């Protein structure tokens, strides 16, 4: 099961790269989680993806720098 998952992730990264899409599989996981919610916190994304808070913060920062997502402060 782990070998299949690793092979699929490698293939996804290769397909993104060959299509000129400069995101990796972890970033893709976050984008999928974001697309399934109207509004979400980084904690929501951590729960949905099982990434740690520091890892999520790094991924979100990179996606924001790439202008793929927009981060906003919560009202509460």
Protein backbone atom coordinates (compact mmCIF):
# COMPACT_ATOMS: atom_id res chain seq x y z
CA UNK A 1 0.00 0.00 0.00
CA UNK A 2 2.82 2.41 0.87
CA UNK A 3 4.68 1.60 -2.35
CA UNK A 4 1.58 2.27 -4.43
CA UNK A 5 0.98 5.57 -2.67
CA UNK A 6 4.61 6.64 -3.18
CA UNK A 7 4.45 5.66 -6.85
CA UNK A 8 1.25 7.65 -7.36
CA UNK A 9 2.78 10.71 -5.68
CA UNK A 10 5.91 10.45 -7.85
CA UNK A 11 3.75 10.21 -10.95
CA UNK A 12 1.64 13.18 -9.86
CA UNK A 13 4.79 15.27 -9.34
CA UNK A 14 6.11 14.22 -12.77
CA UNK A 15 2.79 15.04 -14.45
CA UNK A 16 2.64 18.47 -12.79
CA UNK A 17 6.22 19.22 -13.80
CA UNK A 18 5.74 18.11 -17.42
CA UNK A 19 2.57 20.24 -17.63
CA UNK A 20 4.47 23.29 -16.36
CA UNK A 21 2.62 23.31 -13.04
CA UNK A 22 5.15 24.01 -10.33
CA UNK A 23 3.38 22.51 -7.32
CA UNK A 24 4.20 19.34 -5.45
CA UNK A 25 1.97 16.60 -4.13
CA UNK A 26 1.79 18.06 -0.59
CA UNK A 27 0.66 21.41 -1.99
CA UNK A 28 -1.89 19.58 -4.13
CA UNK A 29 -3.26 17.84 -1.00
CA UNK A 30 -3.75 21.24 0.63
CA UNK A 31 -5.44 22.67 -2.47
CA UNK A 32 -7.86 19.74 -2.52
CA UNK A 33 -8.68 20.34 1.16
CA UNK A 34 -9.19 24.08 0.52
CA UNK A 35 -11.46 23.41 -2.46
CA UNK A 36 -13.79 21.32 -0.28
CA UNK A 37 -14.53 24.21 2.09
CA UNK A 38 -15.92 27.72 1.74
CA UNK A 39 -13.75 29.03 4.58
CA UNK A 40 -11.13 27.14 6.53
CA UNK A 41 -8.45 27.71 9.08
CA UNK A 42 -4.96 26.29 8.96
CA UNK A 43 -6.05 23.97 11.77
CA UNK A 44 -8.91 22.72 9.55
CA UNK A 45 -6.35 22.02 6.84
CA UNK A 46 -4.06 20.23 9.31
CA UNK A 47 -6.96 18.02 10.35
CA UNK A 48 -7.91 17.30 6.74
CA UNK A 49 -4.38 16.46 5.60
CA UNK A 50 -2.61 15.24 8.77
CA UNK A 51 0.20 17.77 8.22
CA UNK A 52 1.69 19.37 11.32
CA UNK A 53 1.06 23.07 12.01
CA UNK A 54 4.60 24.12 11.00
CA UNK A 55 4.39 22.09 7.78
CA UNK A 56 0.97 23.54 6.97
CA UNK A 57 2.20 27.06 7.62
CA UNK A 58 5.11 26.50 5.21
CA UNK A 59 2.88 25.02 2.50
CA UNK A 60 0.29 27.79 2.82
CA UNK A 61 3.03 30.45 2.68
CA UNK A 62 4.45 28.97 -0.52
CA UNK A 63 1.01 28.73 -2.14
CA UNK A 64 0.32 32.32 -1.11
CA UNK A 65 3.64 33.50 -2.60
CA UNK A 66 2.70 31.69 -5.81
CA UNK A 67 -0.62 33.63 -5.72
CA UNK A 68 -2.60 30.39 -5.78
CA UNK A 69 -4.37 31.05 -2.49
CA UNK A 70 -5.05 34.09 -0.33
CA UNK A 71 -4.65 34.00 3.42
CA UNK A 72 -6.87 36.23 5.55
CA UNK A 73 -6.97 36.83 9.27
CA UNK A 74 -9.91 35.30 11.08
CA UNK A 75 -12.48 37.71 12.45
CA UNK A 76 -12.58 35.89 15.77
